[in-house]
Amino acid sequence: MPRLSRLLLSPPACRDPAALRNVAAGRTVLVTGASSGIGAAAARQLGQAGATTLMLARRPDRLEAVAAQIRAAGGQAQVYPADLGDPAQVEAVARAILADHPQLDAVVSNAGRSVRRRAQDGAPKADLPRLLGVNFSGPAALLLALRPALARGSVLINVSSVSARHIGAPRWGAYQGSKAGFDLWLQAAAAEWPGVHVASVYLPLVRTPMSAPTRLYRCLPALSDDEAAQAVLFPLVRPVVRVAPWWLRGAELASLLAPAALGRGLRALERLERRWETRP
């Protein structure tokens, strides 16, 4: 990554494979959303570090392909196909995981869905309930079901976004709301689970299949999925509760001190985008 991009984008990360191996070897780690993007990269890194990597996602064929890569490199991987947006599947996959692995050393809650669309346009497509299911209620239900496997010392990592920490942006309401809601829920629930460590990872833009449909993002600097996975796994090697780019504190402060000004700026950008969309 170019030096300027690393300065602007990179949150703290575990870039030392030996450091990850020291904490992950022989441990059992569940990664959701592990069939592509950040989740697949995190699963591969855990497999290389000697962890027994449990992989959950809704596409069995892609899960098996990533698992095959891990096994070919000498690692251990097991797949658990499930759609977190379906409560029945969440219940069933939790039972299967608990039957196979009564104790989990870590869970990387990475599965998520992103839609960039105006709230009114997204209503007929059920954007809000779909994103709440995959980004909030599904991951929450999974962790509640897996609670018996989370012993003292277990680590829960929530893969979130910087957008969950700043003022609401046009066309991102369903995504921002669902990601911010789960983040707050998990922090509250963790306070009820003695000895279970929770960390939230607020990622900047990452070049993944989920970000690809937004044309603007193709022109902006972004982390690769491997770079993002190194940030996601950082709480395994350091007992931090938050991983974020250095500038996020400033954005949070601006959201608190000048929400009206920021809102006006975002509305102005939305008007510009609308005009751009209607140009002949």
Protein backbone atom coordinates (compact mmCIF):
# COMPACT_ATOMS: atom_id res chain seq x y z
CA MET A 1 0.00 0.00 0.00
CA PRO A 2 1.36 3.50 -0.83
CA ARG A 3 2.57 5.42 2.21
CA LEU A 4 -0.12 8.15 1.93
CA SER A 5 -2.93 5.60 1.65
CA ARG A 6 -1.58 3.71 4.66
CA LEU A 7 -1.52 6.95 6.67
CA LEU A 8 -5.11 7.81 5.75
CA LEU A 9 -6.67 4.37 5.76
CA SER A 10 -4.86 1.91 7.94
CA PRO A 11 -6.16 1.14 11.42
CA PRO A 12 -3.86 -0.78 13.80
CA ALA A 13 -3.27 -4.25 12.41
CA CYS A 14 -1.48 -7.53 13.05
CA ARG A 15 0.97 -7.74 10.16
CA ASP A 16 3.25 -10.25 11.89
CA PRO A 17 2.22 -13.86 11.15
CA ALA A 18 4.32 -15.09 14.07
CA ALA A 19 2.43 -12.87 16.52
CA LEU A 20 -0.88 -14.22 15.26
CA ARG A 21 0.38 -17.79 15.47
CA ASN A 22 1.39 -17.26 19.10
CA VAL A 23 -2.22 -16.55 20.08
CA ALA A 24 -4.18 -18.53 17.48
CA ALA A 25 -2.40 -21.88 17.18
CA GLY A 26 -4.53 -24.65 18.63
CA ARG A 27 -7.50 -22.31 19.22
CA THR A 28 -10.99 -22.64 17.75
CA VAL A 29 -12.22 -19.51 15.97
CA LEU A 30 -15.53 -18.96 14.19
CA VAL A 31 -15.60 -16.49 11.29
CA THR A 32 -18.94 -15.44 9.81
CA GLY A 33 -19.21 -14.13 6.28
CA ALA A 34 -16.20 -16.31 5.49
CA SER A 35 -16.96 -17.17 1.87
CA SER A 36 -15.43 -14.02 0.34
CA GLY A 37 -13.83 -10.66 1.02
CA ILE A 38 -12.63 -9.81 4.53
CA GLY A 39 -14.08 -12.95 6.09
CA ALA A 40 -12.33 -15.27 3.66
CA ALA A 41 -9.05 -13.40 4.13
CA ALA A 42 -9.37 -13.61 7.93
CA ALA A 43 -10.15 -17.33 7.74
CA ARG A 44 -7.09 -17.97 5.58
CA GLN A 45 -4.84 -16.00 7.94
CA LEU A 46 -6.20 -17.90 10.94
CA GLY A 47 -5.71 -21.21 9.16
CA GLN A 48 -2.10 -20.32 8.37
CA ALA A 49 -1.64 -19.39 12.04
CA GLY A 50 -2.66 -22.86 13.18
CA ALA A 51 -6.22 -22.16 14.36
CA THR A 52 -9.11 -24.54 13.83
CA THR A 53 -11.14 -22.21 11.66
CA LEU A 54 -14.91 -22.56 11.60
CA MET A 55 -16.40 -20.82 8.59
CA LEU A 56 -20.01 -19.68 8.34
CA ALA A 57 -21.66 -18.10 5.29
CA ARG A 58 -24.71 -18.65 3.10
CA ARG A 59 -22.92 -19.97 -0.03
CA PRO A 60 -21.69 -23.55 0.53
CA ASP A 61 -19.68 -23.76 -2.69
CA ARG A 62 -17.66 -20.65 -1.93
CA LEU A 63 -17.18 -21.70 1.68
CA GLU A 64 -15.80 -25.05 0.52
CA ALA A 65 -13.46 -23.32 -1.93
CA VAL A 66 -11.92 -21.16 0.82
CA ALA A 67 -11.76 -24.14 3.19
CA ALA A 68 -9.93 -26.12 0.50
CA GLN A 69 -7.33 -23.35 0.26
CA ILE A 70 -6.80 -23.46 4.02
CA ARG A 71 -6.46 -27.25 4.07
CA ALA A 72 -4.11 -27.22 1.07
CA ALA A 73 -1.83 -24.90 3.06
CA GLY A 74 -1.86 -27.32 6.01
CA GLY A 75 -4.56 -25.65 8.09
CA GLN A 76 -7.80 -26.91 9.59
CA ALA A 77 -11.18 -25.61 8.43
CA GLN A 78 -14.81 -26.63 8.87
CA VAL A 79 -17.74 -25.11 7.01
CA TYR A 80 -21.20 -24.27 8.36
CA PRO A 81 -23.50 -22.97 5.62
CA ALA A 82 -26.25 -20.70 6.92
CA ASP A 83 -28.03 -17.46 6.09
CA LEU A 84 -27.97 -15.15 9.12
CA GLY A 85 -31.06 -13.44 7.76
CA ASP A 86 -33.09 -16.61 8.40
CA PRO A 87 -33.80 -17.20 12.13
CA ALA A 88 -34.41 -20.93 11.61
CA GLN A 89 -31.04 -21.35 9.92
CA VAL A 90 -29.33 -19.39 12.68
CA GLU A 91 -30.80 -21.69 15.32
CA ALA A 92 -29.86 -24.81 13.39
CA VAL A 93 -26.28 -23.77 12.65
CA ALA A 94 -25.71 -22.75 16.27
CA ARG A 95 -26.78 -26.21 17.40
CA ALA A 96 -24.41 -27.81 14.90
CA ILE A 97 -21.47 -25.65 16.00
CA LEU A 98 -22.11 -26.32 19.68
CA ALA A 99 -22.33 -30.06 19.05
CA ASP A 100 -18.96 -30.05 17.28
CA HIS A 101 -17.21 -27.43 19.42
CA PRO A 102 -18.44 -26.95 22.99
CA GLN A 103 -15.90 -24.14 23.48
CA LEU A 104 -15.07 -21.27 21.14
CA ASP A 105 -11.96 -19.23 21.76
CA ALA A 106 -13.04 -16.42 19.45
CA VAL A 107 -15.85 -15.35 17.15
CA VAL A 108 -15.24 -12.91 14.31
CA SER A 109 -18.66 -11.44 13.54
CA ASN A 110 -17.98 -10.32 10.00
CA ALA A 111 -21.06 -11.28 7.96
CA GLY A 112 -22.83 -8.24 6.61
CA ARG A 113 -24.72 -6.74 3.73
CA SER A 114 -24.46 -3.27 2.26
CA VAL A 115 -27.01 -1.42 0.13
CA ARG A 116 -26.60 2.16 -1.02
CA ARG A 117 -30.06 3.39 -1.90
CA ARG A 118 -32.43 6.16 -0.88
CA ALA A 119 -34.70 5.14 1.98
CA GLN A 120 -37.87 5.66 -0.05
CA ASP A 121 -36.53 3.67 -3.00
CA GLY A 122 -35.41 0.88 -0.70
CA ALA A 123 -38.77 0.43 1.02
CA PRO A 124 -40.35 -1.69 -1.79
CA LYS A 125 -37.19 -3.83 -1.85
CA ALA A 126 -37.32 -4.36 1.94
CA ASP A 127 -33.83 -2.92 2.38
CA LEU A 128 -34.30 -2.16 6.05
CA PRO A 129 -35.58 -5.57 7.23
CA ARG A 130 -33.04 -7.39 5.05
CA LEU A 131 -30.09 -5.42 6.38
CA LEU A 132 -31.33 -5.56 9.96
CA GLY A 133 -31.54 -9.35 9.63
CA VAL A 134 -28.03 -9.86 8.30
CA ASN A 135 -26.25 -7.01 10.09
CA PHE A 136 -28.04 -6.94 13.45
CA SER A 137 -30.65 -9.48 14.53
CA GLY A 138 -29.01 -12.49 12.85
CA PRO A 139 -25.52 -11.97 14.34
CA ALA A 140 -27.09 -11.15 17.72
CA ALA A 141 -29.19 -14.31 17.70
CA LEU A 142 -26.14 -16.37 16.72
CA LEU A 143 -24.06 -15.06 19.61
CA LEU A 144 -26.88 -15.58 22.08
CA ALA A 145 -27.22 -19.18 20.91
CA LEU A 146 -23.45 -19.70 21.12
CA ARG A 147 -23.18 -18.16 24.59
CA PRO A 148 -22.63 -21.57 26.29
CA ALA A 149 -19.42 -21.98 24.25
CA LEU A 150 -18.00 -18.60 25.25
CA ALA A 151 -15.82 -19.15 28.31
CA ARG A 152 -13.71 -16.70 30.28
CA GLY A 153 -11.05 -15.45 27.91
CA SER A 154 -13.11 -15.86 24.73
CA VAL A 155 -12.85 -12.94 22.30
CA LEU A 156 -15.71 -11.48 20.25
CA ILE A 157 -14.70 -9.27 17.35
CA ASN A 158 -17.33 -7.13 15.66
CA VAL A 159 -16.33 -6.12 12.13
CA SER A 160 -17.98 -2.74 11.76
CA SER A 161 -17.50 0.37 9.66
CA VAL A 162 -16.36 3.93 10.27
CA SER A 163 -19.79 4.93 8.97
CA ALA A 164 -21.35 3.43 12.11
CA ARG A 165 -19.66 6.15 14.16
CA HIS A 166 -20.47 9.37 12.31
CA ILE A 167 -23.55 11.32 11.28
CA GLY A 168 -26.13 9.61 9.09
CA ALA A 169 -25.40 9.88 5.37
CA PRO A 170 -27.94 9.97 2.52
CA ARG A 171 -28.61 6.56 0.92
CA TRP A 172 -26.83 4.75 3.75
CA GLY A 173 -29.56 4.76 6.41
CA ALA A 174 -30.31 1.02 6.42
CA TYR A 175 -26.63 0.07 6.42
CA GLN A 176 -25.47 2.63 8.97
CA GLY A 177 -28.43 2.02 11.26
CA SER A 178 -28.05 -1.75 11.28
CA LYS A 179 -24.27 -1.67 11.80
CA ALA A 180 -24.44 0.95 14.55
CA GLY A 181 -27.30 -0.89 16.24
CA PHE A 182 -25.45 -4.20 16.43
CA ASP A 183 -22.30 -2.49 17.66
CA LEU A 184 -24.16 -0.89 20.56
CA TRP A 185 -26.11 -4.08 21.33
CA LEU A 186 -22.92 -6.15 21.49
CA GLN A 187 -21.20 -3.73 23.84
CA ALA A 188 -24.23 -3.84 26.16
CA ALA A 189 -24.50 -7.63 26.03
CA ALA A 190 -20.79 -8.05 26.68
CA ALA A 191 -21.14 -6.18 29.95
CA GLU A 192 -23.37 -9.07 31.07
CA TRP A 193 -20.85 -11.78 30.10
CA PRO A 194 -17.98 -11.79 32.63
CA GLY A 195 -14.61 -12.68 31.20
CA VAL A 196 -15.68 -12.43 27.54
CA HIS A 197 -13.67 -9.75 25.76
CA VAL A 198 -15.36 -7.70 23.02
CA ALA A 199 -13.67 -5.49 20.44
CA SER A 200 -15.17 -3.43 17.62
CA VAL A 201 -13.19 -2.90 14.42
CA TYR A 202 -14.27 0.20 12.49
CA LEU A 203 -12.93 -0.26 8.99
CA PRO A 204 -12.53 2.44 6.34
CA LEU A 205 -13.25 1.65 2.70
CA VAL A 206 -12.23 -1.89 1.73
CA ARG A 207 -11.99 -3.18 -1.83
CA THR A 208 -14.40 -6.15 -1.68
CA PRO A 209 -17.30 -7.55 -3.75
CA MET A 210 -19.67 -5.68 -1.40
CA SER A 211 -18.17 -2.28 -2.23
CA ALA A 212 -17.76 -2.95 -5.95
CA PRO A 213 -21.27 -1.85 -7.11
CA THR A 214 -20.72 1.74 -5.90
CA ARG A 215 -18.93 3.37 -8.84
CA LEU A 216 -17.57 6.27 -6.78
CA TYR A 217 -15.68 3.85 -4.54
CA ARG A 218 -13.69 2.52 -7.47
CA CYS A 219 -11.89 5.86 -7.65
CA LEU A 220 -11.09 6.13 -3.93
CA PRO A 221 -8.15 4.60 -2.02
CA ALA A 222 -9.14 1.45 -0.15
CA LEU A 223 -7.70 -1.36 1.89
CA SER A 224 -7.39 -4.79 0.31
CA ASP A 225 -9.32 -7.61 1.97
CA ASP A 226 -6.04 -9.03 3.35
CA GLU A 227 -5.08 -5.66 4.86
CA ALA A 228 -8.55 -5.33 6.40
CA ALA A 229 -8.33 -8.87 7.81
CA GLN A 230 -5.06 -7.97 9.54
CA ALA A 231 -6.91 -5.13 11.30
CA VAL A 232 -9.83 -7.42 12.16
CA LEU A 233 -7.53 -9.95 13.85
CA PHE A 234 -5.57 -7.33 15.81
CA PRO A 235 -7.76 -7.77 18.96
CA LEU A 236 -6.55 -11.36 19.16
CA VAL A 237 -2.97 -10.23 19.74
CA ARG A 238 -3.69 -7.07 21.77
CA PRO A 239 -6.44 -6.67 24.41
CA VAL A 240 -7.97 -3.61 22.74
CA VAL A 241 -11.68 -2.78 22.69
CA ARG A 242 -11.54 -0.62 19.57
CA VAL A 243 -9.63 -0.69 16.29
CA ALA A 244 -10.05 2.31 13.99
CA PRO A 245 -8.18 4.73 11.75
CA TRP A 246 -6.58 7.58 13.69
CA TRP A 247 -8.89 10.18 12.15
CA LEU A 248 -12.17 8.57 13.27
CA ARG A 249 -12.02 10.31 16.66
CA GLY A 250 -12.06 13.64 14.83
CA ALA A 251 -15.05 12.61 12.74
CA GLU A 252 -16.91 11.51 15.88
CA LEU A 253 -16.14 14.79 17.59
CA ALA A 254 -17.32 16.77 14.58
CA SER A 255 -20.57 14.78 14.58
CA LEU A 256 -21.11 15.78 18.21
CA LEU A 257 -20.08 19.42 17.94
CA ALA A 258 -21.40 20.38 14.50
CA PRO A 259 -24.14 17.97 13.43
CA ALA A 260 -26.19 20.67 11.71
CA ALA A 261 -23.26 21.84 9.57
CA LEU A 262 -22.35 18.30 8.63
CA GLY A 263 -25.97 17.55 7.80
CA ARG A 264 -26.16 20.57 5.50
CA GLY A 265 -23.00 19.44 3.75
CA LEU A 266 -24.33 15.92 3.23
CA ARG A 267 -27.64 17.24 1.89
CA ALA A 268 -25.75 19.45 -0.53
CA LEU A 269 -23.79 16.45 -1.79
CA GLU A 270 -27.04 14.51 -2.20
CA ARG A 271 -28.50 17.34 -4.31
CA LEU A 272 -25.38 17.34 -6.48
CA GLU A 273 -25.61 13.59 -6.97
CA ARG A 274 -29.28 13.83 -7.92
CA ARG A 275 -28.44 16.45 -10.55
CA TRP A 276 -25.59 14.32 -11.84
CA GLU A 277 -27.91 11.32 -12.15
CA THR A 278 -30.47 13.28 -14.18
CA ARG A 279 -27.99 14.78 -16.63
CA PRO A 280 -28.75 13.90 -20.27
